[in-house]
C-alpha atoms as a PDB file:
ATOM      1  CA  UNK A   1      -0.044  -0.088   0.024  1.00  0.00           C
ATOM      2  CA  UNK A   2       1.481   3.396  -0.879  1.00  0.00           C
ATOM      3  CA  UNK A   3       0.506   6.857   0.144  1.00  0.00           C
ATOM      4  CA  UNK A   4       1.146  10.135  -1.226  1.00  0.00           C
ATOM      5  CA  UNK A   5       4.028  12.295  -0.185  1.00  0.00           C
ATOM      6  CA  UNK A   6       1.825  14.872   1.384  1.00  0.00           C
ATOM      7  CA  UNK A   7       0.185  12.336   3.315  1.00  0.00           C
ATOM      8  CA  UNK A   8       3.355  11.092   4.844  1.00  0.00           C
ATOM      9  CA  UNK A   9       3.666  14.342   6.618  1.00  0.00           C
ATOM     10  CA  UNK A  10       0.214  14.416   7.921  1.00  0.00           C
ATOM     11  CA  UNK A  11       0.354  10.790   9.036  1.00  0.00           C
ATOM     12  CA  UNK A  12       3.550  11.557  10.920  1.00  0.00           C
ATOM     13  CA  UNK A  13       1.832  14.722  12.587  1.00  0.00           C
ATOM     14  CA  UNK A  14      -1.364  12.500  13.668  1.00  0.00           C
ATOM     15  CA  UNK A  15       0.898   9.757  15.163  1.00  0.00           C
ATOM     16  CA  UNK A  16       3.099  12.399  16.924  1.00  0.00           C
ATOM     17  CA  UNK A  17       0.274  14.232  18.241  1.00  0.00           C
ATOM     18  CA  UNK A  18      -1.346  10.791  19.363  1.00  0.00           C
ATOM     19  CA  UNK A  19       2.052   9.795  21.373  1.00  0.00           C
ATOM     20  CA  UNK A  20       2.114  13.513  23.129  1.00  0.00           C
ATOM     21  CA  UNK A  21      -1.629  14.251  23.643  1.00  0.00           C
ATOM     22  CA  UNK A  22      -3.431  11.629  25.544  1.00  0.00           C
ATOM     23  CA  UNK A  23      -7.092  12.903  24.758  1.00  0.00           C
ATOM     24  CA  UNK A  24      -6.347  13.085  21.057  1.00  0.00           C
ATOM     25  CA  UNK A  25      -4.804   9.494  21.462  1.00  0.00           C
ATOM     26  CA  UNK A  26      -8.006   8.202  23.497  1.00  0.00           C
ATOM     27  CA  UNK A  27     -10.176   9.809  20.475  1.00  0.00           C
ATOM     28  CA  UNK A  28      -8.154   8.303  17.913  1.00  0.00           C
ATOM     29  CA  UNK A  29      -8.316   4.677  19.357  1.00  0.00           C
ATOM     30  CA  UNK A  30     -12.053   5.038  20.230  1.00  0.00           C
ATOM     31  CA  UNK A  31     -13.354   6.795  17.232  1.00  0.00           C
ATOM     32  CA  UNK A  32     -10.754   6.542  14.416  1.00  0.00           C
ATOM     33  CA  UNK A  33     -13.103   7.270  11.400  1.00  0.00           C
ATOM     34  CA  UNK A  34     -14.494  10.446  13.147  1.00  0.00           C
ATOM     35  CA  UNK A  35     -10.873  11.709  13.988  1.00  0.00           C
ATOM     36  CA  UNK A  36      -9.438  10.804  10.653  1.00  0.00           C
ATOM     37  CA  UNK A  37     -12.342  12.641   8.830  1.00  0.00           C
ATOM     38  CA  UNK A  38     -10.864  15.820  10.101  1.00  0.00           C
ATOM     39  CA  UNK A  39      -7.812  15.264   8.015  1.00  0.00           C
ATOM     40  CA  UNK A  40      -7.280  15.846   4.288  1.00  0.00           C
ATOM     41  CA  UNK A  41      -5.420  12.574   3.576  1.00  0.00           C
ATOM     42  CA  UNK A  42      -6.051   9.671   1.381  1.00  0.00           C
ATOM     43  CA  UNK A  43      -7.956   6.439   2.249  1.00  0.00           C
ATOM     44  CA  UNK A  44      -4.854   4.588   2.095  1.00  0.00           C
ATOM     45  CA  UNK A  45      -3.173   6.820   4.533  1.00  0.00           C
ATOM     46  CA  UNK A  46      -6.218   6.424   6.939  1.00  0.00           C
ATOM     47  CA  UNK A  47      -5.991   2.697   6.585  1.00  0.00           C
ATOM     48  CA  UNK A  48      -2.378   2.729   7.698  1.00  0.00           C
ATOM     49  CA  UNK A  49      -3.369   4.872  10.677  1.00  0.00           C
ATOM     50  CA  UNK A  50      -6.190   2.514  11.601  1.00  0.00           C
ATOM     51  CA  UNK A  51      -3.673  -0.540  11.134  1.00  0.00           C
ATOM     52  CA  UNK A  52      -1.249   0.919  13.359  1.00  0.00           C
ATOM     53  CA  UNK A  53      -3.603   2.074  16.094  1.00  0.00           C
ATOM     54  CA  UNK A  54      -5.159  -1.357  15.858  1.00  0.00           C
ATOM     55  CA  UNK A  55      -2.279  -2.872  17.375  1.00  0.00           C
ATOM     56  CA  UNK A  56      -2.564  -0.765  20.387  1.00  0.00           C
ATOM     57  CA  UNK A  57      -6.043  -1.509  21.309  1.00  0.00           C
END
């Protein structure tokens, strides 16, 4: 699965934010579709994030 270069930066920002902000992390874990809907990234990038956070549930 490939993601666009612009998506890479946003994915990094989302994961760093999740690592440093407990409330954002909690929301991302419990409502990933809602949270990721606020970001302008491809469905492939959203899928990668959901796979990553799925490993931490």
